[in-house]
Protein backbone atom coordinates (compact mmCIF):
# COMPACT_ATOMS: atom_id res chain seq x y z
CA MET A 1 11.63 165.78 126.29
CA ALA A 2 9.79 162.50 125.85
CA GLU A 3 6.16 162.51 126.97
CA GLY A 4 3.09 160.97 125.39
CA ASP A 5 0.63 163.61 126.59
CA GLU A 6 0.88 166.61 124.26
CA ASP A 7 -0.27 169.21 126.81
CA ARG A 8 2.06 167.93 129.53
CA ARG A 9 4.95 167.67 127.03
CA GLY A 10 4.37 171.28 125.98
CA ARG A 11 4.28 172.58 129.56
CA ILE A 12 7.45 170.74 130.58
CA SER A 13 9.25 171.73 127.37
CA GLU A 14 8.37 175.38 127.93
CA ALA A 15 9.65 175.21 131.52
CA LEU A 16 12.90 173.69 130.26
CA ARG A 17 13.26 176.46 127.66
CA ARG A 18 12.77 179.09 130.38
CA CYS A 19 15.64 177.40 132.24
CA GLY A 20 17.88 177.84 129.20
CA PHE A 21 17.67 174.36 127.65
CA VAL A 22 17.33 173.71 123.92
CA VAL A 23 14.44 171.26 123.82
CA LEU A 24 13.65 168.51 121.33
CA GLU A 25 10.26 166.87 121.83
CA ALA A 26 9.19 163.28 121.26
CA ALA A 27 5.75 161.77 121.76
CA THR A 28 6.61 158.09 121.31
CA PRO A 29 9.47 155.81 122.35
CA LEU A 30 10.51 155.30 118.72
CA GLU A 31 10.60 159.04 118.05
CA ALA A 32 12.71 159.57 121.20
CA ILE A 33 15.13 156.79 120.25
CA VAL A 34 15.60 158.20 116.75
CA ARG A 35 16.33 161.65 118.19
CA LEU A 36 18.85 160.19 120.66
CA GLN A 37 20.60 158.29 117.85
CA GLU A 38 20.66 161.07 115.26
CA LEU A 39 21.15 164.23 117.27
CA ASP A 40 24.49 164.10 119.00
CA PRO A 41 25.41 165.35 121.50
CA ILE A 42 22.40 165.21 123.76
CA ASP A 43 23.31 165.88 127.35
CA LEU A 44 20.00 165.30 129.10
CA ALA A 45 16.91 163.22 128.35
CA VAL A 46 13.86 164.27 130.35
CA VAL A 47 11.21 161.56 130.44
CA GLY A 48 7.60 162.26 131.38
CA GLU A 49 5.10 160.01 133.16
CA ASN A 50 4.32 158.11 129.96
CA VAL A 51 6.00 157.94 126.57
CA GLY A 52 3.25 156.68 124.31
CA SER A 53 1.95 153.57 126.06
CA THR A 54 5.28 152.99 127.84
CA PRO A 55 5.61 154.06 131.48
CA GLY A 56 8.22 156.79 131.87
CA SER A 57 10.22 154.79 134.42
CA THR A 58 10.51 151.86 131.98
CA PHE A 59 11.65 154.12 129.17
CA LEU A 60 14.09 155.84 131.54
CA GLU A 61 15.73 152.47 132.28
CA PHE A 62 16.01 151.81 128.54
CA VAL A 63 17.68 155.16 127.89
CA ALA A 64 20.13 154.62 130.76
CA SER A 65 21.13 151.18 129.47
CA CYS A 66 21.33 151.97 125.74
CA PHE A 67 22.64 155.55 125.92
CA PRO A 68 24.99 155.58 128.95
CA ARG A 69 26.52 158.96 127.98
CA VAL A 70 23.11 160.69 128.16
CA ARG A 71 21.96 161.76 131.60
CA ALA A 72 18.31 160.77 131.92
CA GLN A 73 15.76 161.75 134.52
CA LEU A 74 12.07 161.50 135.17
CA GLY A 75 10.45 164.95 135.20
CA SER A 76 11.75 168.47 134.77
CA PRO A 77 15.24 169.34 136.09
CA CYS A 78 14.37 172.96 136.83
CA PRO A 79 12.09 174.47 139.50
CA SER A 80 8.44 175.12 138.66
């Protein structure tokens, strides 16, 4: 879960945990990239509205192009 806002990141991460996901959190693009590179396999990257100062949609495009095996999406994959 990559999201710059700590409160929002915590809420989304908790919702993902309730849906059965093991969640790794990142607050910045660099932190998220390091986690994607070091922790294999990662099946899903959930990107929030902003990752640090980077818009979530921009970071989502980066993840899709640099980590094609990782499914990436903007926002939580489970119902609220």
